[in-house]
Amino acid sequence: MTALRRQIPVLVVVGVIVAAVVLVLADRWRRGAFVFGIAVLVAAGLRLLLTEDRVGILAVRSRAFDTFSLALVGGAVVWLAVSIDPLGTD
């Protein structure tokens, strides 16, 4: 497998993170935080479903640890993004 093809899962996650940054820069910080949390959850799903040779640099520790920690952080960010009151912003 080529080196670039192996990094496709990381590029997908980075693409979603770029979308989150664009939302934050457009003063849509809650939506940006939500999309960032989704990006982390996508990383957790990719880490869970893909084999070691296809996951690229998403593999840091064991599959169970990586998946659990990414899902926990992603879920927390999504929960925080949807639970914060607007405070006069959109």
Protein backbone atom coordinates (compact mmCIF):
# COMPACT_ATOMS: atom_id res chain seq x y z
CA MET A 1 0.00 0.00 0.00
CA THR A 2 1.38 3.41 -0.90
CA ALA A 3 2.24 5.89 1.80
CA LEU A 4 -0.33 8.43 0.60
CA ARG A 5 -3.12 5.88 0.43
CA ARG A 6 -2.34 4.82 3.98
CA GLN A 7 -2.94 8.39 5.17
CA ILE A 8 -6.44 8.73 3.63
CA PRO A 9 -8.18 8.25 7.03
CA VAL A 10 -6.07 11.05 8.52
CA LEU A 11 -6.82 13.30 5.55
CA VAL A 12 -10.56 12.71 6.04
CA VAL A 13 -10.31 13.72 9.69
CA VAL A 14 -8.16 16.75 8.84
CA GLY A 15 -10.73 17.79 6.23
CA VAL A 16 -13.49 17.80 8.84
CA ILE A 17 -11.25 19.73 11.24
CA VAL A 18 -10.61 22.34 8.53
CA ALA A 19 -14.39 22.72 8.16
CA ALA A 20 -14.62 23.25 11.93
CA VAL A 21 -11.91 25.91 11.83
CA VAL A 22 -13.72 27.71 9.00
CA LEU A 23 -16.89 27.77 11.11
CA VAL A 24 -15.01 29.13 14.11
CA LEU A 25 -13.37 31.83 11.99
CA ALA A 26 -16.82 32.77 10.68
CA ASP A 27 -17.94 33.43 14.29
CA ARG A 28 -19.91 30.18 14.49
CA TRP A 29 -17.85 28.80 17.36
CA ARG A 30 -20.51 26.47 18.76
CA ARG A 31 -21.09 24.90 15.36
CA GLY A 32 -17.34 24.72 14.87
CA ALA A 33 -16.93 22.97 18.21
CA PHE A 34 -19.68 20.53 17.24
CA VAL A 35 -18.02 19.75 13.90
CA PHE A 36 -14.66 19.33 15.66
CA GLY A 37 -16.24 16.83 18.04
CA ILE A 38 -17.68 14.98 15.04
CA ALA A 39 -14.18 14.89 13.52
CA VAL A 40 -12.83 13.23 16.65
CA LEU A 41 -15.71 10.73 16.61
CA VAL A 42 -14.98 9.99 12.94
CA ALA A 43 -11.36 9.34 13.93
CA ALA A 44 -12.60 6.93 16.61
CA GLY A 45 -14.76 5.11 14.10
CA LEU A 46 -11.96 4.86 11.57
CA ARG A 47 -9.56 3.60 14.24
CA LEU A 48 -12.09 0.97 15.27
CA LEU A 49 -12.95 -0.26 11.77
CA LEU A 50 -9.68 -0.12 9.86
CA THR A 51 -6.79 -2.53 10.16
CA GLU A 52 -3.39 -1.50 11.49
CA ASP A 53 -1.87 -1.21 8.02
CA ARG A 54 -4.68 1.06 6.74
CA VAL A 55 -5.21 3.38 9.68
CA GLY A 56 -2.01 5.41 9.28
CA ILE A 57 -1.03 7.75 12.08
CA LEU A 58 -4.39 7.39 13.82
CA ALA A 59 -2.85 4.34 15.48
CA VAL A 60 -0.99 5.55 18.55
CA ARG A 61 -1.57 2.90 21.18
CA SER A 62 -3.75 -0.20 21.15
CA ARG A 63 -6.96 -0.20 19.10
CA ALA A 64 -9.11 -0.36 22.24
CA PHE A 65 -7.33 2.52 23.96
CA ASP A 66 -7.30 4.75 20.87
CA THR A 67 -10.97 4.10 20.12
CA PHE A 68 -12.08 4.62 23.72
CA SER A 69 -10.11 7.81 24.26
CA LEU A 70 -11.12 9.35 20.92
CA ALA A 71 -14.78 8.46 21.47
CA LEU A 72 -14.69 9.87 25.00
CA VAL A 73 -13.10 13.17 23.95
CA GLY A 74 -15.26 13.49 20.82
CA GLY A 75 -18.43 12.77 22.77
CA ALA A 76 -17.48 15.30 25.44
CA VAL A 77 -16.83 18.03 22.85
CA VAL A 78 -20.12 17.32 21.05
CA TRP A 79 -22.00 17.29 24.36
CA LEU A 80 -20.43 20.59 25.42
CA ALA A 81 -21.16 22.16 22.03
CA VAL A 82 -24.85 21.29 22.16
CA SER A 83 -25.33 22.04 25.85
CA ILE A 84 -23.84 25.55 25.96
CA ASP A 85 -26.46 28.30 25.90
CA PRO A 86 -26.26 30.73 22.98
CA LEU A 87 -25.50 33.75 25.23
CA GLY A 88 -26.73 36.07 22.52
CA THR A 89 -24.66 34.45 19.77
CA ASP A 90 -25.70 32.03 17.07
